[in-house]
PDB file of N, CA and C in Angstrom:
ATOM      1  N   UNK A   1       7.204   0.670  -9.344  1.00  0.00           N
ATOM      2  CA  UNK A   1       7.077   0.545 -10.562  1.00  0.00           C
ATOM      3  C   UNK A   1       8.016   1.251 -11.525  1.00  0.00           C
ATOM      4  N   UNK A   2       8.511   2.535 -11.168  1.00  0.00           N
ATOM      5  CA  UNK A   2       9.333   3.265 -11.900  1.00  0.00           C
ATOM      6  C   UNK A   2      10.652   2.574 -12.128  1.00  0.00           C
ATOM      7  N   UNK A   3      11.109   1.894 -11.078  1.00  0.00           N
ATOM      8  CA  UNK A   3      12.357   1.170 -11.121  1.00  0.00           C
ATOM      9  C   UNK A   3      12.303  -0.100 -12.093  1.00  0.00           C
ATOM     10  N   UNK A   4      11.180  -0.686 -12.178  1.00  0.00           N
ATOM     11  CA  UNK A   4      11.036  -1.684 -13.131  1.00  0.00           C
ATOM     12  C   UNK A   4      11.072  -1.135 -14.510  1.00  0.00           C
ATOM     13  N   UNK A   5      10.322  -0.118 -14.749  1.00  0.00           N
ATOM     14  CA  UNK A   5      10.251   0.447 -16.039  1.00  0.00           C
ATOM     15  C   UNK A   5      11.558   0.954 -16.533  1.00  0.00           C
ATOM     16  N   UNK A   6      12.363   1.532 -15.585  1.00  0.00           N
ATOM     17  CA  UNK A   6      13.764   2.033 -16.051  1.00  0.00           C
ATOM     18  C   UNK A   6      14.623   0.817 -16.276  1.00  0.00           C
ATOM     19  N   UNK A   7      14.373  -0.284 -15.554  1.00  0.00           N
ATOM     20  CA  UNK A   7      15.308  -1.449 -15.691  1.00  0.00           C
ATOM     21  C   UNK A   7      15.054  -2.034 -17.102  1.00  0.00           C
ATOM     22  N   UNK A   8      13.803  -2.264 -17.460  1.00  0.00           N
ATOM     23  CA  UNK A   8      13.311  -2.715 -18.710  1.00  0.00           C
ATOM     24  C   UNK A   8      13.682  -1.893 -19.899  1.00  0.00           C
ATOM     25  N   UNK A   9      13.712  -0.514 -19.752  1.00  0.00           N
ATOM     26  CA  UNK A   9      14.133   0.238 -20.786  1.00  0.00           C
ATOM     27  C   UNK A   9      15.544   0.059 -20.994  1.00  0.00           C
ATOM     28  N   UNK A  10      16.447   0.008 -19.979  1.00  0.00           N
ATOM     29  CA  UNK A  10      17.831  -0.216 -20.061  1.00  0.00           C
ATOM     30  C   UNK A  10      18.169  -1.415 -20.735  1.00  0.00           C
ATOM     31  N   UNK A  11      17.558  -2.436 -20.427  1.00  0.00           N
ATOM     32  CA  UNK A  11      17.659  -3.743 -20.973  1.00  0.00           C
ATOM     33  C   UNK A  11      17.444  -3.721 -22.456  1.00  0.00           C
ATOM     34  N   UNK A  12      16.305  -3.135 -22.765  1.00  0.00           N
ATOM     35  CA  UNK A  12      15.873  -3.044 -24.250  1.00  0.00           C
ATOM     36  C   UNK A  12      16.916  -2.268 -25.021  1.00  0.00           C
ATOM     37  N   UNK A  13      17.482  -1.071 -24.314  1.00  0.00           N
ATOM     38  CA  UNK A  13      18.528  -0.312 -25.039  1.00  0.00           C
ATOM     39  C   UNK A  13      19.672  -1.112 -25.251  1.00  0.00           C
ATOM     40  N   UNK A  14      20.093  -2.014 -24.261  1.00  0.00           N
ATOM     41  CA  UNK A  14      21.241  -2.798 -24.383  1.00  0.00           C
ATOM     42  C   UNK A  14      21.009  -3.866 -25.585  1.00  0.00           C
ATOM     43  N   UNK A  15      19.907  -4.442 -25.464  1.00  0.00           N
ATOM     44  CA  UNK A  15      19.570  -5.466 -26.627  1.00  0.00           C
ATOM     45  C   UNK A  15      19.603  -4.804 -27.990  1.00  0.00           C
ATOM     46  N   UNK A  16      19.050  -3.552 -27.981  1.00  0.00           N
ATOM     47  CA  UNK A  16      19.065  -2.869 -29.457  1.00  0.00           C
ATOM     48  C   UNK A  16      20.507  -2.652 -29.872  1.00  0.00           C
ATOM     49  N   UNK A  17      21.277  -2.203 -28.747  1.00  0.00           N
ATOM     50  CA  UNK A  17      22.784  -2.005 -29.256  1.00  0.00           C
ATOM     51  C   UNK A  17      23.443  -3.260 -29.731  1.00  0.00           C
ATOM     52  N   UNK A  18      23.285  -4.341 -28.899  1.00  0.00           N
ATOM     53  CA  UNK A  18      23.822  -5.660 -29.313  1.00  0.00           C
ATOM     54  C   UNK A  18      23.406  -5.893 -30.830  1.00  0.00           C
ATOM     55  N   UNK A  19      22.135  -5.894 -31.018  1.00  0.00           N
ATOM     56  CA  UNK A  19      21.572  -6.260 -32.156  1.00  0.00           C
ATOM     57  C   UNK A  19      22.049  -5.297 -33.370  1.00  0.00           C
ATOM     58  N   UNK A  20      22.146  -4.092 -33.179  1.00  0.00           N
ATOM     59  CA  UNK A  20      22.798  -3.130 -34.161  1.00  0.00           C
ATOM     60  C   UNK A  20      24.153  -3.434 -34.404  1.00  0.00           C
ATOM     61  N   UNK A  21      25.008  -3.639 -33.465  1.00  0.00           N
ATOM     62  CA  UNK A  21      26.426  -3.918 -33.674  1.00  0.00           C
ATOM     63  C   UNK A  21      26.591  -5.192 -34.382  1.00  0.00           C
ATOM     64  N   UNK A  22      25.817  -6.199 -33.827  1.00  0.00           N
ATOM     65  CA  UNK A  22      25.810  -7.604 -34.552  1.00  0.00           C
ATOM     66  C   UNK A  22      25.532  -7.361 -35.898  1.00  0.00           C
ATOM     67  N   UNK A  23      24.331  -6.664 -36.341  1.00  0.00           N
ATOM     68  CA  UNK A  23      24.008  -6.487 -37.667  1.00  0.00           C
ATOM     69  C   UNK A  23      25.172  -5.762 -38.532  1.00  0.00           C
ATOM     70  N   UNK A  24      25.908  -4.789 -37.750  1.00  0.00           N
ATOM     71  CA  UNK A  24      26.770  -4.058 -38.417  1.00  0.00           C
ATOM     72  C   UNK A  24      28.162  -4.785 -38.759  1.00  0.00           C
ATOM     73  N   UNK A  25      28.215  -6.057 -38.278  1.00  0.00           N
ATOM     74  CA  UNK A  25      29.228  -6.817 -38.574  1.00  0.00           C
ATOM     75  C   UNK A  25      30.210  -7.188 -37.370  1.00  0.00           C
ATOM     76  N   UNK A  26      29.940  -6.702 -36.197  1.00  0.00           N
ATOM     77  CA  UNK A  26      30.871  -7.003 -34.988  1.00  0.00           C
ATOM     78  C   UNK A  26      30.301  -8.294 -34.436  1.00  0.00           C
ATOM     79  N   UNK A  27      31.048  -9.442 -34.736  1.00  0.00           N
ATOM     80  CA  UNK A  27      30.568 -10.648 -34.312  1.00  0.00           C
ATOM     81  C   UNK A  27      31.634 -11.476 -33.269  1.00  0.00           C
ATOM     82  N   UNK A  28      32.146 -10.596 -32.491  1.00  0.00           N
ATOM     83  CA  UNK A  28      32.971 -11.300 -31.465  1.00  0.00           C
ATOM     84  C   UNK A  28      32.502 -11.034 -30.048  1.00  0.00           C
ATOM     85  N   UNK A  29      33.168 -11.514 -28.961  1.00  0.00           N
ATOM     86  CA  UNK A  29      32.720 -11.217 -27.552  1.00  0.00           C
ATOM     87  C   UNK A  29      32.656  -9.761 -27.312  1.00  0.00           C
ATOM     88  N   UNK A  30      33.526  -9.012 -28.068  1.00  0.00           N
ATOM     89  CA  UNK A  30      33.699  -7.541 -27.853  1.00  0.00           C
ATOM     90  C   UNK A  30      32.328  -6.799 -28.089  1.00  0.00           C
ATOM     91  N   UNK A  31      31.548  -7.388 -28.842  1.00  0.00           N
ATOM     92  CA  UNK A  31      30.107  -6.776 -29.127  1.00  0.00           C
ATOM     93  C   UNK A  31      29.358  -6.631 -27.704  1.00  0.00           C
ATOM     94  N   UNK A  32      29.492  -7.400 -26.799  1.00  0.00           N
ATOM     95  CA  UNK A  32      28.820  -7.120 -25.518  1.00  0.00           C
ATOM     96  C   UNK A  32      29.386  -6.026 -24.804  1.00  0.00           C
ATOM     97  N   UNK A  33      30.776  -5.859 -24.662  1.00  0.00           N
ATOM     98  CA  UNK A  33      31.445  -4.782 -24.102  1.00  0.00           C
ATOM     99  C   UNK A  33      31.045  -3.395 -24.727  1.00  0.00           C
ATOM    100  N   UNK A  34      31.149  -3.344 -25.974  1.00  0.00           N
ATOM    101  CA  UNK A  34      30.842  -2.209 -26.612  1.00  0.00           C
ATOM    102  C   UNK A  34      29.502  -1.796 -26.558  1.00  0.00           C
ATOM    103  N   UNK A  35      28.533  -2.799 -26.729  1.00  0.00           N
ATOM    104  CA  UNK A  35      27.084  -2.581 -26.470  1.00  0.00           C
ATOM    105  C   UNK A  35      26.854  -1.994 -25.050  1.00  0.00           C
ATOM    106  N   UNK A  36      27.412  -2.585 -24.086  1.00  0.00           N
ATOM    107  CA  UNK A  36      27.227  -2.206 -22.818  1.00  0.00           C
ATOM    108  C   UNK A  36      27.645  -0.634 -22.692  1.00  0.00           C
ATOM    109  N   UNK A  37      28.724  -0.372 -23.174  1.00  0.00           N
ATOM    110  CA  UNK A  37      29.260   1.119 -22.941  1.00  0.00           C
ATOM    111  C   UNK A  37      28.395   2.022 -23.787  1.00  0.00           C
ATOM    112  N   UNK A  38      27.970   1.601 -24.890  1.00  0.00           N
ATOM    113  CA  UNK A  38      27.101   2.413 -25.671  1.00  0.00           C
ATOM    114  C   UNK A  38      25.618   2.555 -25.084  1.00  0.00           C
ATOM    115  N   UNK A  39      25.184   1.529 -24.654  1.00  0.00           N
ATOM    116  CA  UNK A  39      23.923   1.525 -24.016  1.00  0.00           C
ATOM    117  C   UNK A  39      23.850   2.401 -22.887  1.00  0.00           C
ATOM    118  N   UNK A  40      24.951   2.347 -21.926  1.00  0.00           N
ATOM    119  CA  UNK A  40      25.089   3.188 -20.685  1.00  0.00           C
ATOM    120  C   UNK A  40      25.123   4.568 -21.117  1.00  0.00           C
ATOM    121  N   UNK A  41      25.963   5.034 -22.152  1.00  0.00           N
ATOM    122  CA  UNK A  41      25.917   6.388 -22.581  1.00  0.00           C
ATOM    123  C   UNK A  41      24.542   6.990 -23.180  1.00  0.00           C
ATOM    124  N   UNK A  42      23.829   6.069 -23.848  1.00  0.00           N
ATOM    125  CA  UNK A  42      22.591   6.539 -24.491  1.00  0.00           C
ATOM    126  C   UNK A  42      21.559   6.541 -23.349  1.00  0.00           C
ATOM    127  N   UNK A  43      21.641   5.498 -22.382  1.00  0.00           N
ATOM    128  CA  UNK A  43      20.701   5.507 -21.293  1.00  0.00           C
ATOM    129  C   UNK A  43      20.779   6.793 -20.443  1.00  0.00           C
ATOM    130  N   UNK A  44      21.981   7.280 -20.338  1.00  0.00           N
ATOM    131  CA  UNK A  44      22.178   8.578 -19.498  1.00  0.00           C
ATOM    132  C   UNK A  44      21.686   9.671 -20.114  1.00  0.00           C
ATOM    133  N   UNK A  45      21.580   9.758 -21.446  1.00  0.00           N
ATOM    134  CA  UNK A  45      21.087  10.899 -22.171  1.00  0.00           C
ATOM    135  C   UNK A  45      19.511  10.647 -22.530  1.00  0.00           C
ATOM    136  N   UNK A  46      19.195   9.455 -22.843  1.00  0.00           N
ATOM    137  CA  UNK A  46      17.759   9.332 -23.355  1.00  0.00           C
ATOM    138  C   UNK A  46      16.917   8.957 -22.158  1.00  0.00           C
ATOM    139  N   UNK A  47      17.197   8.532 -21.041  1.00  0.00           N
ATOM    140  CA  UNK A  47      16.295   7.938 -20.024  1.00  0.00           C
ATOM    141  C   UNK A  47      16.374   8.864 -18.851  1.00  0.00           C
ATOM    142  N   UNK A  48      16.522  10.013 -18.869  1.00  0.00           N
ATOM    143  CA  UNK A  48      16.514  11.054 -17.813  1.00  0.00           C
ATOM    144  C   UNK A  48      15.252  10.897 -16.944  1.00  0.00           C
ATOM    145  N   UNK A  49      14.194  10.937 -17.718  1.00  0.00           N
ATOM    146  CA  UNK A  49      12.891  10.947 -16.938  1.00  0.00           C
ATOM    147  C   UNK A  49      12.602   9.789 -16.079  1.00  0.00           C
ATOM    148  N   UNK A  50      12.681   8.563 -16.758  1.00  0.00           N
ATOM    149  CA  UNK A  50      12.557   7.286 -16.059  1.00  0.00           C
ATOM    150  C   UNK A  50      13.541   7.034 -14.983  1.00  0.00           C
ATOM    151  N   UNK A  51      14.808   7.502 -15.101  1.00  0.00           N
ATOM    152  CA  UNK A  51      15.777   7.492 -14.052  1.00  0.00           C
ATOM    153  C   UNK A  51      15.581   8.314 -12.705  1.00  0.00           C
ATOM    154  N   UNK A  52      15.085   9.473 -13.181  1.00  0.00           N
ATOM    155  CA  UNK A  52      14.616  10.401 -12.044  1.00  0.00           C
ATOM    156  C   UNK A  52      13.415   9.862 -11.314  1.00  0.00           C
ATOM    157  N   UNK A  53      12.505   9.363 -11.970  1.00  0.00           N
ATOM    158  CA  UNK A  53      11.310   8.809 -11.387  1.00  0.00           C
ATOM    159  C   UNK A  53      11.849   7.551 -10.499  1.00  0.00           C
ATOM    160  N   UNK A  54      12.668   6.561 -10.950  1.00  0.00           N
ATOM    161  CA  UNK A  54      13.167   5.533 -10.221  1.00  0.00           C
ATOM    162  C   UNK A  54      13.985   6.060  -8.970  1.00  0.00           C
ATOM    163  N   UNK A  55      14.740   7.100  -9.097  1.00  0.00           N
ATOM    164  CA  UNK A  55      15.457   7.689  -8.013  1.00  0.00           C
ATOM    165  C   UNK A  55      14.483   8.154  -6.969  1.00  0.00           C
ATOM    166  N   UNK A  56      13.454   8.935  -7.445  1.00  0.00           N
ATOM    167  CA  UNK A  56      12.463   9.388  -6.407  1.00  0.00           C
ATOM    168  C   UNK A  56      11.844   8.361  -5.766  1.00  0.00           C
ATOM    169  N   UNK A  57      11.361   7.260  -6.542  1.00  0.00           N
ATOM    170  CA  UNK A  57      10.818   6.051  -5.684  1.00  0.00           C
ATOM    171  C   UNK A  57      11.689   5.546  -4.756  1.00  0.00           C
ATOM    172  N   UNK A  58      12.954   5.303  -4.963  1.00  0.00           N
ATOM    173  CA  UNK A  58      13.815   4.738  -4.137  1.00  0.00           C
ATOM    174  C   UNK A  58      14.026   5.663  -2.907  1.00  0.00           C
ATOM    175  N   UNK A  59      14.237   7.063  -3.171  1.00  0.00           N
ATOM    176  CA  UNK A  59      14.429   7.875  -2.040  1.00  0.00           C
ATOM    177  C   UNK A  59      13.192   8.027  -1.072  1.00  0.00           C
ATOM    178  N   UNK A  60      11.995   8.024  -1.678  1.00  0.00           N
ATOM    179  CA  UNK A  60      10.692   7.881  -0.923  1.00  0.00           C
ATOM    180  C   UNK A  60      10.677   6.727  -0.036  1.00  0.00           C
ATOM    181  N   UNK A  61      11.080   5.591  -0.569  1.00  0.00           N
ATOM    182  CA  UNK A  61      10.974   4.390   0.164  1.00  0.00           C
ATOM    183  C   UNK A  61      12.094   4.361   1.354  1.00  0.00           C
ATOM    184  N   UNK A  62      13.181   4.946   1.037  1.00  0.00           N
ATOM    185  CA  UNK A  62      14.103   4.885   2.165  1.00  0.00           C
ATOM    186  C   UNK A  62      13.697   5.912   3.257  1.00  0.00           C
ATOM    187  N   UNK A  63      13.202   6.998   2.825  1.00  0.00           N
ATOM    188  CA  UNK A  63      12.581   7.897   3.744  1.00  0.00           C
ATOM    189  C   UNK A  63      11.475   7.351   4.626  1.00  0.00           C
ATOM    190  N   UNK A  64      10.533   6.718   3.915  1.00  0.00           N
ATOM    191  CA  UNK A  64       9.542   5.967   4.576  1.00  0.00           C
ATOM    192  C   UNK A  64      10.063   4.907   5.626  1.00  0.00           C
ATOM    193  N   UNK A  65      11.077   4.244   5.282  1.00  0.00           N
ATOM    194  CA  UNK A  65      11.613   3.221   6.188  1.00  0.00           C
ATOM    195  C   UNK A  65      12.379   3.879   7.341  1.00  0.00           C
ATOM    196  N   UNK A  66      12.986   4.939   7.043  1.00  0.00           N
ATOM    197  CA  UNK A  66      13.663   5.763   8.131  1.00  0.00           C
ATOM    198  C   UNK A  66      12.617   6.339   9.098  1.00  0.00           C
ATOM    199  N   UNK A  67      11.556   6.887   8.756  1.00  0.00           N
ATOM    200  CA  UNK A  67      10.585   7.437   9.473  1.00  0.00           C
ATOM    201  C   UNK A  67       9.766   6.423  10.281  1.00  0.00           C
ATOM    202  N   UNK A  68       9.409   5.296   9.563  1.00  0.00           N
ATOM    203  CA  UNK A  68       8.623   4.303  10.306  1.00  0.00           C
ATOM    204  C   UNK A  68       9.374   3.302  11.159  1.00  0.00           C
ATOM    205  N   UNK A  69      10.660   3.216  10.817  1.00  0.00           N
ATOM    206  CA  UNK A  69      11.603   2.318  11.644  1.00  0.00           C
ATOM    207  C   UNK A  69      11.480   0.868  11.207  1.00  0.00           C
ATOM    208  N   UNK A  70      11.910   0.045  11.996  1.00  0.00           N
ATOM    209  CA  UNK A  70      11.913  -1.382  11.628  1.00  0.00           C
ATOM    210  C   UNK A  70      10.526  -1.992  11.895  1.00  0.00           C
ATOM    211  N   UNK A  71       9.647  -1.427  12.644  1.00  0.00           N
ATOM    212  CA  UNK A  71       8.305  -2.117  12.794  1.00  0.00           C
ATOM    213  C   UNK A  71       7.541  -2.230  11.490  1.00  0.00           C
ATOM    214  N   UNK A  72       7.539  -1.269  10.651  1.00  0.00           N
ATOM    215  CA  UNK A  72       6.901  -1.420   9.540  1.00  0.00           C
ATOM    216  C   UNK A  72       7.503  -1.736   8.356  1.00  0.00           C
ATOM    217  N   UNK A  73       8.638  -2.382   8.487  1.00  0.00           N
ATOM    218  CA  UNK A  73       9.379  -2.730   7.255  1.00  0.00           C
ATOM    219  C   UNK A  73       8.738  -3.855   6.569  1.00  0.00           C
ATOM    220  N   UNK A  74       8.107  -4.864   7.177  1.00  0.00           N
ATOM    221  CA  UNK A  74       7.473  -6.106   6.637  1.00  0.00           C
ATOM    222  C   UNK A  74       5.838  -5.813   6.338  1.00  0.00           C
ATOM    223  N   UNK A  75       5.404  -6.756   5.699  1.00  0.00           N
ATOM    224  CA  UNK A  75       3.986  -6.753   5.506  1.00  0.00           C
ATOM    225  C   UNK A  75       3.365  -7.276   6.848  1.00  0.00           C
ATOM    226  N   UNK A  76       2.068  -7.168   7.066  1.00  0.00           N
ATOM    227  CA  UNK A  76       1.427  -7.524   8.284  1.00  0.00           C
ATOM    228  C   UNK A  76       1.832  -9.175   8.584  1.00  0.00           C
ATOM    229  N   UNK A  77       1.609  -9.979   7.628  1.00  0.00           N
ATOM    230  CA  UNK A  77       1.799 -11.435   8.106  1.00  0.00           C
ATOM    231  C   UNK A  77       3.327 -11.603   8.396  1.00  0.00           C
ATOM    232  N   UNK A  78       4.065 -10.989   7.459  1.00  0.00           N
ATOM    233  CA  UNK A  78       5.464 -11.279   7.789  1.00  0.00           C
ATOM    234  C   UNK A  78       5.969 -10.526   9.166  1.00  0.00           C
ATOM    235  N   UNK A  79       5.337  -9.516   9.531  1.00  0.00           N
ATOM    236  CA  UNK A  79       5.598  -9.014  10.835  1.00  0.00           C
ATOM    237  C   UNK A  79       5.155  -9.803  11.945  1.00  0.00           C
ATOM    238  N   UNK A  80       3.955 -10.478  11.796  1.00  0.00           N
ATOM    239  CA  UNK A  80       3.395 -11.297  12.758  1.00  0.00           C
ATOM    240  C   UNK A  80       4.355 -12.489  12.917  1.00  0.00           C
ATOM    241  N   UNK A  81       4.865 -12.951  11.836  1.00  0.00           N
ATOM    242  CA  UNK A  81       5.934 -14.112  11.922  1.00  0.00           C
ATOM    243  C   UNK A  81       7.102 -13.704  12.589  1.00  0.00           C
ATOM    244  N   UNK A  82       7.645 -12.583  12.236  1.00  0.00           N
ATOM    245  CA  UNK A  82       8.807 -11.996  12.781  1.00  0.00           C
ATOM    246  C   UNK A  82       8.740 -11.917  14.317  1.00  0.00           C
ATOM    247  N   UNK A  83       7.499 -11.437  14.803  1.00  0.00           N
ATOM    248  CA  UNK A  83       7.310 -11.188  16.185  1.00  0.00           C
ATOM    249  C   UNK A  83       7.130 -12.529  16.893  1.00  0.00           C
ATOM    250  N   UNK A  84       6.573 -13.498  16.232  1.00  0.00           N
ATOM    251  CA  UNK A  84       6.582 -14.904  16.752  1.00  0.00           C
ATOM    252  C   UNK A  84       7.948 -15.488  16.996  1.00  0.00           C
ATOM    253  N   UNK A  85       8.769 -15.378  15.970  1.00  0.00           N
ATOM    254  CA  UNK A  85      10.066 -15.851  16.005  1.00  0.00           C
ATOM    255  C   UNK A  85      10.986 -15.174  17.107  1.00  0.00           C
ATOM    256  N   UNK A  86      10.680 -13.754  17.222  1.00  0.00           N
ATOM    257  CA  UNK A  86      11.378 -12.983  18.184  1.00  0.00           C
ATOM    258  C   UNK A  86      11.116 -13.470  19.682  1.00  0.00           C
ATOM    259  N   UNK A  87       9.672 -13.681  19.899  1.00  0.00           N
ATOM    260  CA  UNK A  87       9.255 -14.156  21.133  1.00  0.00           C
ATOM    261  C   UNK A  87       9.969 -15.671  21.398  1.00  0.00           C
ATOM    262  N   UNK A  88       9.861 -16.382  20.415  1.00  0.00           N
ATOM    263  CA  UNK A  88      10.399 -17.770  20.727  1.00  0.00           C
ATOM    264  C   UNK A  88      11.852 -17.692  21.002  1.00  0.00           C
ATOM    265  N   UNK A  89      12.534 -16.772  20.193  1.00  0.00           N
ATOM    266  CA  UNK A  89      13.997 -16.550  20.666  1.00  0.00           C
ATOM    267  C   UNK A  89      14.257 -16.168  21.941  1.00  0.00           C
ATOM    268  N   UNK A  90      13.524 -15.246  22.460  1.00  0.00           N
ATOM    269  CA  UNK A  90      13.646 -14.611  23.713  1.00  0.00           C
ATOM    270  C   UNK A  90      13.307 -15.642  24.810  1.00  0.00           C
ATOM    271  N   UNK A  91      12.239 -16.563  24.544  1.00  0.00           N
ATOM    272  CA  UNK A  91      11.907 -17.557  25.551  1.00  0.00           C
ATOM    273  C   UNK A  91      13.007 -18.655  25.598  1.00  0.00           C
ATOM    274  N   UNK A  92      13.825 -18.906  24.446  1.00  0.00           N
ATOM    275  CA  UNK A  92      14.859 -19.821  24.584  1.00  0.00           C
ATOM    276  C   UNK A  92      16.087 -19.228  25.099  1.00  0.00           C
ATOM    277  N   UNK A  93      16.128 -18.140  25.166  1.00  0.00           N
ATOM    278  CA  UNK A  93      17.396 -17.309  25.797  1.00  0.00           C
ATOM    279  C   UNK A  93      17.168 -17.409  27.291  1.00  0.00           C
ATOM    280  N   UNK A  94      16.032 -17.190  27.755  1.00  0.00           N
ATOM    281  CA  UNK A  94      15.650 -17.159  29.139  1.00  0.00           C
ATOM    282  C   UNK A  94      15.582 -18.509  29.785  1.00  0.00           C
ATOM    283  N   UNK A  95      15.317 -19.651  29.051  1.00  0.00           N
ATOM    284  CA  UNK A  95      15.299 -21.027  29.463  1.00  0.00           C
ATOM    285  C   UNK A  95      16.349 -21.757  28.678  1.00  0.00           C
ATOM    286  N   UNK A  96      17.639 -21.848  29.127  1.00  0.00           N
ATOM    287  CA  UNK A  96      18.511 -22.379  28.235  1.00  0.00           C
ATOM    288  C   UNK A  96      18.413 -24.009  28.307  1.00  0.00           C
ATOM    289  N   UNK A  97      17.565 -24.627  29.030  1.00  0.00           N
ATOM    290  CA  UNK A  97      17.372 -26.019  28.963  1.00  0.00           C
ATOM    291  C   UNK A  97      16.492 -26.555  27.918  1.00  0.00           C
ATOM    292  N   UNK A  98      15.774 -25.593  27.186  1.00  0.00           N
ATOM    293  CA  UNK A  98      14.789 -26.087  26.188  1.00  0.00           C
ATOM    294  C   UNK A  98      15.458 -25.854  24.765  1.00  0.00           C
ATOM    295  N   UNK A  99      16.641 -25.360  24.683  1.00  0.00           N
ATOM    296  CA  UNK A  99      17.228 -24.988  23.535  1.00  0.00           C
ATOM    297  C   UNK A  99      17.951 -26.247  22.794  1.00  0.00           C
TER     298      UNK A  99
END
């Protein structure tokens, strides 16, 4: 959830920058480029908390995947489906006449 919050906040900041620059009279395609640069700089300064929370979430998720390995990467139903597909693939490799 922190990654979603951070992304929404960055998009809102970008939209606010576009709106303010448009309101200030910048009415060309350059408004998007300037707004992106301004929003990037502002998000670096203003969104430190949400950015750190999103980074922690991603780091925790990567660590959990590293510890659990490939077996726990999917949900239960997706893992059952992957196991069934792996078994069918192995059976097809052992009996080339059925492929």
